[in-house]
PDB file of N, CA and C in Angstrom:
ATOM      1  N   UNK A   1     191.069 -25.574  98.383  1.00  0.00           N
ATOM      2  CA  UNK A   1     189.746 -25.006  98.394  1.00  0.00           C
ATOM      3  C   UNK A   1     188.750 -26.061  97.910  1.00  0.00           C
ATOM      4  N   UNK A   2     187.670 -26.225  98.630  1.00  0.00           N
ATOM      5  CA  UNK A   2     186.633 -27.169  98.258  1.00  0.00           C
ATOM      6  C   UNK A   2     185.526 -26.442  97.509  1.00  0.00           C
ATOM      7  N   UNK A   3     185.144 -26.978  96.357  1.00  0.00           N
ATOM      8  CA  UNK A   3     184.045 -26.386  95.591  1.00  0.00           C
ATOM      9  C   UNK A   3     182.736 -27.024  96.022  1.00  0.00           C
ATOM     10  N   UNK A   4     181.721 -26.204  96.135  1.00  0.00           N
ATOM     11  CA  UNK A   4     180.387 -26.686  96.444  1.00  0.00           C
ATOM     12  C   UNK A   4     179.583 -26.691  95.152  1.00  0.00           C
ATOM     13  N   UNK A   5     178.944 -27.797  94.870  1.00  0.00           N
ATOM     14  CA  UNK A   5     178.139 -27.903  93.658  1.00  0.00           C
ATOM     15  C   UNK A   5     176.690 -27.547  93.959  1.00  0.00           C
ATOM     16  N   UNK A   6     176.101 -26.820  93.061  1.00  0.00           N
ATOM     17  CA  UNK A   6     174.690 -26.440  93.196  1.00  0.00           C
ATOM     18  C   UNK A   6     173.834 -27.652  92.867  1.00  0.00           C
ATOM     19  N   UNK A   7     172.894 -27.950  93.747  1.00  0.00           N
ATOM     20  CA  UNK A   7     171.978 -29.073  93.540  1.00  0.00           C
ATOM     21  C   UNK A   7     170.562 -28.598  93.231  1.00  0.00           C
ATOM     22  N   UNK A   8     170.157 -27.490  93.864  1.00  0.00           N
ATOM     23  CA  UNK A   8     168.803 -26.943  93.679  1.00  0.00           C
ATOM     24  C   UNK A   8     168.931 -25.442  93.448  1.00  0.00           C
ATOM     25  N   UNK A   9     168.411 -24.996  92.309  1.00  0.00           N
ATOM     26  CA  UNK A   9     168.549 -23.604  91.907  1.00  0.00           C
ATOM     27  C   UNK A   9     167.183 -22.947  91.792  1.00  0.00           C
ATOM     28  N   UNK A  10     166.978 -21.883  92.555  1.00  0.00           N
ATOM     29  CA  UNK A  10     165.763 -21.084  92.432  1.00  0.00           C
ATOM     30  C   UNK A  10     166.030 -19.996  91.398  1.00  0.00           C
ATOM     31  N   UNK A  11     165.148 -19.893  90.406  1.00  0.00           N
ATOM     32  CA  UNK A  11     165.280 -18.877  89.368  1.00  0.00           C
ATOM     33  C   UNK A  11     164.324 -17.744  89.710  1.00  0.00           C
ATOM     34  N   UNK A  12     164.882 -16.583  90.026  1.00  0.00           N
ATOM     35  CA  UNK A  12     164.084 -15.436  90.481  1.00  0.00           C
ATOM     36  C   UNK A  12     163.701 -14.553  89.298  1.00  0.00           C
ATOM     37  N   UNK A  13     163.071 -15.173  88.304  1.00  0.00           N
ATOM     38  CA  UNK A  13     162.632 -14.462  87.118  1.00  0.00           C
ATOM     39  C   UNK A  13     161.506 -15.258  86.492  1.00  0.00           C
ATOM     40  N   UNK A  14     160.992 -14.756  85.374  1.00  0.00           N
ATOM     41  CA  UNK A  14     159.874 -15.423  84.708  1.00  0.00           C
ATOM     42  C   UNK A  14     160.098 -15.401  83.196  1.00  0.00           C
ATOM     43  N   UNK A  15     159.207 -16.044  82.487  1.00  0.00           N
ATOM     44  CA  UNK A  15     159.225 -15.988  81.031  1.00  0.00           C
ATOM     45  C   UNK A  15     160.390 -16.724  80.399  1.00  0.00           C
ATOM     46  N   UNK A  16     160.750 -16.262  79.192  1.00  0.00           N
ATOM     47  CA  UNK A  16     161.782 -16.926  78.401  1.00  0.00           C
ATOM     48  C   UNK A  16     163.140 -16.918  79.089  1.00  0.00           C
ATOM     49  N   UNK A  17     163.447 -15.858  79.810  1.00  0.00           N
ATOM     50  CA  UNK A  17     164.726 -15.820  80.539  1.00  0.00           C
ATOM     51  C   UNK A  17     164.792 -16.979  81.527  1.00  0.00           C
ATOM     52  N   UNK A  18     163.726 -17.173  82.300  1.00  0.00           N
ATOM     53  CA  UNK A  18     163.690 -18.271  83.270  1.00  0.00           C
ATOM     54  C   UNK A  18     163.817 -19.617  82.563  1.00  0.00           C
ATOM     55  N   UNK A  19     163.148 -19.768  81.419  1.00  0.00           N
ATOM     56  CA  UNK A  19     163.203 -21.034  80.683  1.00  0.00           C
ATOM     57  C   UNK A  19     164.623 -21.337  80.209  1.00  0.00           C
ATOM     58  N   UNK A  20     165.337 -20.327  79.769  1.00  0.00           N
ATOM     59  CA  UNK A  20     166.721 -20.533  79.315  1.00  0.00           C
ATOM     60  C   UNK A  20     167.620 -20.961  80.469  1.00  0.00           C
ATOM     61  N   UNK A  21     167.456 -20.307  81.605  1.00  0.00           N
ATOM     62  CA  UNK A  21     168.245 -20.683  82.784  1.00  0.00           C
ATOM     63  C   UNK A  21     167.909 -22.114  83.188  1.00  0.00           C
ATOM     64  N   UNK A  22     166.621 -22.461  83.162  1.00  0.00           N
ATOM     65  CA  UNK A  22     166.197 -23.814  83.540  1.00  0.00           C
ATOM     66  C   UNK A  22     166.787 -24.870  82.614  1.00  0.00           C
ATOM     67  N   UNK A  23     166.770 -24.607  81.312  1.00  0.00           N
ATOM     68  CA  UNK A  23     167.337 -25.574  80.364  1.00  0.00           C
ATOM     69  C   UNK A  23     168.823 -25.809  80.652  1.00  0.00           C
ATOM     70  N   UNK A  24     169.541 -24.725  80.856  1.00  0.00           N
ATOM     71  CA  UNK A  24     170.977 -24.862  81.144  1.00  0.00           C
ATOM     72  C   UNK A  24     171.211 -25.612  82.448  1.00  0.00           C
ATOM     73  N   UNK A  25     170.455 -25.245  83.472  1.00  0.00           N
ATOM     74  CA  UNK A  25     170.604 -25.911  84.772  1.00  0.00           C
ATOM     75  C   UNK A  25     170.264 -27.396  84.660  1.00  0.00           C
ATOM     76  N   UNK A  26     169.178 -27.708  83.974  1.00  0.00           N
ATOM     77  CA  UNK A  26     168.780 -29.110  83.813  1.00  0.00           C
ATOM     78  C   UNK A  26     169.853 -29.905  83.081  1.00  0.00           C
ATOM     79  N   UNK A  27     170.451 -29.300  82.058  1.00  0.00           N
ATOM     80  CA  UNK A  27     171.536 -29.967  81.327  1.00  0.00           C
ATOM     81  C   UNK A  27     172.736 -30.248  82.219  1.00  0.00           C
ATOM     82  N   UNK A  28     172.863 -29.484  83.293  1.00  0.00           N
ATOM     83  CA  UNK A  28     173.963 -29.671  84.243  1.00  0.00           C
ATOM     84  C   UNK A  28     173.555 -30.567  85.412  1.00  0.00           C
ATOM     85  N   UNK A  29     172.327 -31.092  85.368  1.00  0.00           N
ATOM     86  CA  UNK A  29     171.852 -31.971  86.434  1.00  0.00           C
ATOM     87  C   UNK A  29     171.382 -31.243  87.675  1.00  0.00           C
ATOM     88  N   UNK A  30     171.039 -29.976  87.534  1.00  0.00           N
ATOM     89  CA  UNK A  30     170.597 -29.165  88.673  1.00  0.00           C
ATOM     90  C   UNK A  30     169.073 -29.111  88.701  1.00  0.00           C
ATOM     91  N   UNK A  31     168.490 -29.393  89.845  1.00  0.00           N
ATOM     92  CA  UNK A  31     167.046 -29.313  90.074  1.00  0.00           C
ATOM     93  C   UNK A  31     166.628 -27.838  90.041  1.00  0.00           C
ATOM     94  N   UNK A  32     165.588 -27.512  89.268  1.00  0.00           N
ATOM     95  CA  UNK A  32     165.178 -26.110  89.122  1.00  0.00           C
ATOM     96  C   UNK A  32     163.892 -25.811  89.880  1.00  0.00           C
ATOM     97  N   UNK A  33     163.864 -24.627  90.469  1.00  0.00           N
ATOM     98  CA  UNK A  33     162.705 -24.154  91.223  1.00  0.00           C
ATOM     99  C   UNK A  33     162.267 -22.822  90.624  1.00  0.00           C
ATOM    100  N   UNK A  34     161.018 -22.773  90.173  1.00  0.00           N
ATOM    101  CA  UNK A  34     160.453 -21.525  89.650  1.00  0.00           C
ATOM    102  C   UNK A  34     159.642 -20.850  90.742  1.00  0.00           C
ATOM    103  N   UNK A  35     159.710 -19.532  90.781  1.00  0.00           N
ATOM    104  CA  UNK A  35     158.786 -18.761  91.606  1.00  0.00           C
ATOM    105  C   UNK A  35     157.843 -18.064  90.645  1.00  0.00           C
ATOM    106  N   UNK A  36     156.601 -17.860  91.087  1.00  0.00           N
ATOM    107  CA  UNK A  36     155.638 -17.257  90.170  1.00  0.00           C
ATOM    108  C   UNK A  36     154.555 -16.498  90.916  1.00  0.00           C
ATOM    109  N   UNK A  37     154.027 -15.488  90.227  1.00  0.00           N
ATOM    110  CA  UNK A  37     152.915 -14.703  90.761  1.00  0.00           C
ATOM    111  C   UNK A  37     151.614 -15.451  90.484  1.00  0.00           C
ATOM    112  N   UNK A  38     150.536 -15.004  91.096  1.00  0.00           N
ATOM    113  CA  UNK A  38     149.233 -15.624  90.860  1.00  0.00           C
ATOM    114  C   UNK A  38     148.885 -15.605  89.375  1.00  0.00           C
ATOM    115  N   UNK A  39     149.195 -14.520  88.700  1.00  0.00           N
ATOM    116  CA  UNK A  39     148.871 -14.381  87.287  1.00  0.00           C
ATOM    117  C   UNK A  39     149.738 -15.211  86.357  1.00  0.00           C
ATOM    118  N   UNK A  40     150.875 -15.687  86.840  1.00  0.00           N
ATOM    119  CA  UNK A  40     151.795 -16.470  86.007  1.00  0.00           C
ATOM    120  C   UNK A  40     151.708 -17.973  86.258  1.00  0.00           C
ATOM    121  N   UNK A  41     150.760 -18.416  87.046  1.00  0.00           N
ATOM    122  CA  UNK A  41     150.737 -19.817  87.484  1.00  0.00           C
ATOM    123  C   UNK A  41     150.629 -20.837  86.351  1.00  0.00           C
ATOM    124  N   UNK A  42     150.070 -20.454  85.216  1.00  0.00           N
ATOM    125  CA  UNK A  42     149.918 -21.391  84.094  1.00  0.00           C
ATOM    126  C   UNK A  42     150.906 -21.137  82.965  1.00  0.00           C
ATOM    127  N   UNK A  43     151.922 -20.352  83.211  1.00  0.00           N
ATOM    128  CA  UNK A  43     152.894 -20.014  82.170  1.00  0.00           C
ATOM    129  C   UNK A  43     153.885 -21.167  81.942  1.00  0.00           C
ATOM    130  N   UNK A  44     154.427 -21.267  80.717  1.00  0.00           N
ATOM    131  CA  UNK A  44     155.363 -22.358  80.403  1.00  0.00           C
ATOM    132  C   UNK A  44     156.573 -22.447  81.328  1.00  0.00           C
ATOM    133  N   UNK A  45     157.095 -21.322  81.790  1.00  0.00           N
ATOM    134  CA  UNK A  45     158.282 -21.398  82.654  1.00  0.00           C
ATOM    135  C   UNK A  45     157.985 -22.118  83.962  1.00  0.00           C
ATOM    136  N   UNK A  46     156.742 -22.040  84.430  1.00  0.00           N
ATOM    137  CA  UNK A  46     156.369 -22.753  85.662  1.00  0.00           C
ATOM    138  C   UNK A  46     156.304 -24.251  85.378  1.00  0.00           C
ATOM    139  N   UNK A  47     155.717 -24.611  84.253  1.00  0.00           N
ATOM    140  CA  UNK A  47     155.620 -26.027  83.875  1.00  0.00           C
ATOM    141  C   UNK A  47     156.994 -26.637  83.588  1.00  0.00           C
ATOM    142  N   UNK A  48     157.911 -25.825  83.047  1.00  0.00           N
ATOM    143  CA  UNK A  48     159.242 -26.333  82.704  1.00  0.00           C
ATOM    144  C   UNK A  48     160.114 -26.617  83.927  1.00  0.00           C
ATOM    145  N   UNK A  49     159.821 -25.968  85.025  1.00  0.00           N
ATOM    146  CA  UNK A  49     160.630 -26.148  86.237  1.00  0.00           C
ATOM    147  C   UNK A  49     160.363 -27.509  86.865  1.00  0.00           C
ATOM    148  N   UNK A  50     161.347 -28.004  87.585  1.00  0.00           N
ATOM    149  CA  UNK A  50     161.149 -29.246  88.334  1.00  0.00           C
ATOM    150  C   UNK A  50     160.164 -29.038  89.477  1.00  0.00           C
ATOM    151  N   UNK A  51     160.099 -27.808  89.945  1.00  0.00           N
ATOM    152  CA  UNK A  51     159.275 -27.476  91.115  1.00  0.00           C
ATOM    153  C   UNK A  51     158.876 -26.008  91.017  1.00  0.00           C
ATOM    154  N   UNK A  52     157.679 -25.684  91.493  1.00  0.00           N
ATOM    155  CA  UNK A  52     157.238 -24.294  91.469  1.00  0.00           C
ATOM    156  C   UNK A  52     156.768 -23.828  92.838  1.00  0.00           C
ATOM    157  N   UNK A  53     157.039 -22.548  93.134  1.00  0.00           N
ATOM    158  CA  UNK A  53     156.620 -21.945  94.397  1.00  0.00           C
ATOM    159  C   UNK A  53     155.843 -20.675  94.105  1.00  0.00           C
ATOM    160  N   UNK A  54     154.590 -20.654  94.538  1.00  0.00           N
ATOM    161  CA  UNK A  54     153.743 -19.478  94.335  1.00  0.00           C
ATOM    162  C   UNK A  54     154.132 -18.377  95.313  1.00  0.00           C
ATOM    163  N   UNK A  55     154.234 -17.172  94.775  1.00  0.00           N
ATOM    164  CA  UNK A  55     154.436 -15.985  95.601  1.00  0.00           C
ATOM    165  C   UNK A  55     153.101 -15.265  95.618  1.00  0.00           C
ATOM    166  N   UNK A  56     152.528 -15.100  96.766  1.00  0.00           N
ATOM    167  CA  UNK A  56     151.207 -14.494  96.888  1.00  0.00           C
ATOM    168  C   UNK A  56     151.234 -13.064  96.356  1.00  0.00           C
ATOM    169  N   UNK A  57     150.475 -12.812  95.295  1.00  0.00           N
ATOM    170  CA  UNK A  57     150.395 -11.472  94.717  1.00  0.00           C
ATOM    171  C   UNK A  57     150.282 -11.534  93.208  1.00  0.00           C
ATOM    172  N   UNK A  58     149.877 -10.414  92.623  1.00  0.00           N
ATOM    173  CA  UNK A  58     149.691 -10.350  91.173  1.00  0.00           C
ATOM    174  C   UNK A  58     150.779  -9.552  90.463  1.00  0.00           C
ATOM    175  N   UNK A  59     151.248  -8.482  91.078  1.00  0.00           N
ATOM    176  CA  UNK A  59     152.179  -7.590  90.387  1.00  0.00           C
ATOM    177  C   UNK A  59     153.627  -7.992  90.669  1.00  0.00           C
ATOM    178  N   UNK A  60     154.523  -7.477  89.831  1.00  0.00           N
ATOM    179  CA  UNK A  60     155.952  -7.738  90.040  1.00  0.00           C
ATOM    180  C   UNK A  60     156.410  -7.198  91.389  1.00  0.00           C
ATOM    181  N   UNK A  61     155.893  -6.046  91.776  1.00  0.00           N
ATOM    182  CA  UNK A  61     156.272  -5.447  93.062  1.00  0.00           C
ATOM    183  C   UNK A  61     155.841  -6.329  94.225  1.00  0.00           C
ATOM    184  N   UNK A  62     154.679  -6.965  94.097  1.00  0.00           N
ATOM    185  CA  UNK A  62     154.157  -7.832  95.164  1.00  0.00           C
ATOM    186  C   UNK A  62     154.838  -9.200  95.188  1.00  0.00           C
ATOM    187  N   UNK A  63     155.543  -9.553  94.130  1.00  0.00           N
ATOM    188  CA  UNK A  63     156.085 -10.907  94.025  1.00  0.00           C
ATOM    189  C   UNK A  63     157.577 -10.920  93.711  1.00  0.00           C
ATOM    190  N   UNK A  64     157.927 -10.829  92.443  1.00  0.00           N
ATOM    191  CA  UNK A  64     159.313 -10.995  92.010  1.00  0.00           C
ATOM    192  C   UNK A  64     160.274  -9.977  92.611  1.00  0.00           C
ATOM    193  N   UNK A  65     159.792  -8.802  92.933  1.00  0.00           N
ATOM    194  CA  UNK A  65     160.646  -7.765  93.514  1.00  0.00           C
ATOM    195  C   UNK A  65     160.617  -7.745  95.039  1.00  0.00           C
ATOM    196  N   UNK A  66     159.831  -8.627  95.641  1.00  0.00           N
ATOM    197  CA  UNK A  66     159.742  -8.702  97.097  1.00  0.00           C
ATOM    198  C   UNK A  66     160.818  -9.675  97.597  1.00  0.00           C
ATOM    199  N   UNK A  67     161.959  -9.128  97.968  1.00  0.00           N
ATOM    200  CA  UNK A  67     163.112  -9.942  98.365  1.00  0.00           C
ATOM    201  C   UNK A  67     162.774 -10.904  99.499  1.00  0.00           C
ATOM    202  N   UNK A  68     161.955 -10.476 100.453  1.00  0.00           N
ATOM    203  CA  UNK A  68     161.593 -11.364 101.562  1.00  0.00           C
ATOM    204  C   UNK A  68     160.854 -12.593 101.054  1.00  0.00           C
ATOM    205  N   UNK A  69     159.904 -12.412 100.129  1.00  0.00           N
ATOM    206  CA  UNK A  69     159.161 -13.550  99.574  1.00  0.00           C
ATOM    207  C   UNK A  69     160.079 -14.480  98.789  1.00  0.00           C
ATOM    208  N   UNK A  70     160.988 -13.898  98.024  1.00  0.00           N
ATOM    209  CA  UNK A  70     161.920 -14.709  97.240  1.00  0.00           C
ATOM    210  C   UNK A  70     162.817 -15.529  98.169  1.00  0.00           C
ATOM    211  N   UNK A  71     163.316 -14.917  99.226  1.00  0.00           N
ATOM    212  CA  UNK A  71     164.188 -15.630 100.161  1.00  0.00           C
ATOM    213  C   UNK A  71     163.442 -16.717 100.924  1.00  0.00           C
ATOM    214  N   UNK A  72     162.191 -16.461 101.290  1.00  0.00           N
ATOM    215  CA  UNK A  72     161.384 -17.493 101.954  1.00  0.00           C
ATOM    216  C   UNK A  72     161.178 -18.674 101.009  1.00  0.00           C
ATOM    217  N   UNK A  73     160.875 -18.393  99.744  1.00  0.00           N
ATOM    218  CA  UNK A  73     160.693 -19.464  98.762  1.00  0.00           C
ATOM    219  C   UNK A  73     161.983 -20.259  98.585  1.00  0.00           C
ATOM    220  N   UNK A  74     163.110 -19.565  98.529  1.00  0.00           N
ATOM    221  CA  UNK A  74     164.397 -20.252  98.376  1.00  0.00           C
ATOM    222  C   UNK A  74     164.676 -21.165  99.565  1.00  0.00           C
ATOM    223  N   UNK A  75     164.477 -20.641 100.754  1.00  0.00           N
ATOM    224  CA  UNK A  75     164.724 -21.447 101.956  1.00  0.00           C
ATOM    225  C   UNK A  75     163.737 -22.606 102.060  1.00  0.00           C
ATOM    226  N   UNK A  76     162.462 -22.331 101.822  1.00  0.00           N
ATOM    227  CA  UNK A  76     161.428 -23.364 101.934  1.00  0.00           C
ATOM    228  C   UNK A  76     161.614 -24.477 100.906  1.00  0.00           C
ATOM    229  N   UNK A  77     162.097 -24.124  99.731  1.00  0.00           N
ATOM    230  CA  UNK A  77     162.274 -25.114  98.666  1.00  0.00           C
ATOM    231  C   UNK A  77     163.580 -25.888  98.806  1.00  0.00           C
ATOM    232  N   UNK A  78     164.440 -25.440  99.694  1.00  0.00           N
ATOM    233  CA  UNK A  78     165.727 -26.100  99.868  1.00  0.00           C
ATOM    234  C   UNK A  78     166.754 -25.709  98.822  1.00  0.00           C
ATOM    235  N   UNK A  79     166.501 -24.612  98.115  1.00  0.00           N
ATOM    236  CA  UNK A  79     167.455 -24.152  97.099  1.00  0.00           C
ATOM    237  C   UNK A  79     168.771 -23.767  97.767  1.00  0.00           C
ATOM    238  N   UNK A  80     169.863 -24.158  97.131  1.00  0.00           N
ATOM    239  CA  UNK A  80     171.163 -23.755  97.665  1.00  0.00           C
ATOM    240  C   UNK A  80     171.794 -22.642  96.844  1.00  0.00           C
ATOM    241  N   UNK A  81     171.041 -22.137  95.855  1.00  0.00           N
ATOM    242  CA  UNK A  81     171.498 -20.987  95.072  1.00  0.00           C
ATOM    243  C   UNK A  81     170.285 -20.302  94.449  1.00  0.00           C
ATOM    244  N   UNK A  82     170.448 -19.011  94.160  1.00  0.00           N
ATOM    245  CA  UNK A  82     169.412 -18.225  93.488  1.00  0.00           C
ATOM    246  C   UNK A  82     170.033 -17.608  92.245  1.00  0.00           C
ATOM    247  N   UNK A  83     169.379 -17.817  91.106  1.00  0.00           N
ATOM    248  CA  UNK A  83     169.798 -17.144  89.872  1.00  0.00           C
ATOM    249  C   UNK A  83     168.868 -15.947  89.695  1.00  0.00           C
ATOM    250  N   UNK A  84     169.413 -14.726  89.664  1.00  0.00           N
ATOM    251  CA  UNK A  84     168.548 -13.544  89.592  1.00  0.00           C
ATOM    252  C   UNK A  84     167.926 -13.309  88.229  1.00  0.00           C
ATOM    253  N   UNK A  85     168.407 -13.985  87.188  1.00  0.00           N
ATOM    254  CA  UNK A  85     167.846 -13.781  85.859  1.00  0.00           C
ATOM    255  C   UNK A  85     168.224 -12.436  85.287  1.00  0.00           C
ATOM    256  N   UNK A  86     167.262 -11.794  84.647  1.00  0.00           N
ATOM    257  CA  UNK A  86     167.463 -10.529  83.939  1.00  0.00           C
ATOM    258  C   UNK A  86     166.422  -9.548  84.454  1.00  0.00           C
ATOM    259  N   UNK A  87     166.836  -8.341  84.785  1.00  0.00           N
ATOM    260  CA  UNK A  87     165.885  -7.389  85.357  1.00  0.00           C
ATOM    261  C   UNK A  87     165.566  -7.787  86.787  1.00  0.00           C
ATOM    262  N   UNK A  88     164.424  -7.381  87.280  1.00  0.00           N
ATOM    263  CA  UNK A  88     163.981  -7.699  88.627  1.00  0.00           C
ATOM    264  C   UNK A  88     165.137  -7.639  89.622  1.00  0.00           C
ATOM    265  N   UNK A  89     165.419  -8.742  90.298  1.00  0.00           N
ATOM    266  CA  UNK A  89     166.426  -8.762  91.364  1.00  0.00           C
ATOM    267  C   UNK A  89     167.849  -8.607  90.855  1.00  0.00           C
ATOM    268  N   UNK A  90     168.100  -8.963  89.596  1.00  0.00           N
ATOM    269  CA  UNK A  90     169.471  -8.868  89.089  1.00  0.00           C
ATOM    270  C   UNK A  90     169.970  -7.430  89.095  1.00  0.00           C
ATOM    271  N   UNK A  91     169.047  -6.484  89.029  1.00  0.00           N
ATOM    272  CA  UNK A  91     169.440  -5.081  89.043  1.00  0.00           C
ATOM    273  C   UNK A  91     169.897  -4.632  90.426  1.00  0.00           C
ATOM    274  N   UNK A  92     169.574  -5.434  91.451  1.00  0.00           N
ATOM    275  CA  UNK A  92     169.972  -5.121  92.822  1.00  0.00           C
ATOM    276  C   UNK A  92     170.992  -6.116  93.365  1.00  0.00           C
ATOM    277  N   UNK A  93     171.444  -7.028  92.522  1.00  0.00           N
ATOM    278  CA  UNK A  93     172.348  -8.093  92.981  1.00  0.00           C
ATOM    279  C   UNK A  93     173.734  -7.560  93.269  1.00  0.00           C
TER     280      UNK A  93
END
């Protein structure tokens, strides 16, 4: 069996949870991609990521919970994995 290593990880969460995932991923040499709503664009988790992708919208329903937007961001950013974080998409994973 051949193992595939994650090179680019999209974190489908925000705040401190996203920052913790990013720190761990960075320590493992994984490029991190943050997604964010219009209202979260200046938050520390966006700055901590290697790359950020804006999801058009202000509310969680319009952004973090919109699976189509998250998948478009993952594909567009070249992410080869998505970490659902805590809450949001992880509840549907």
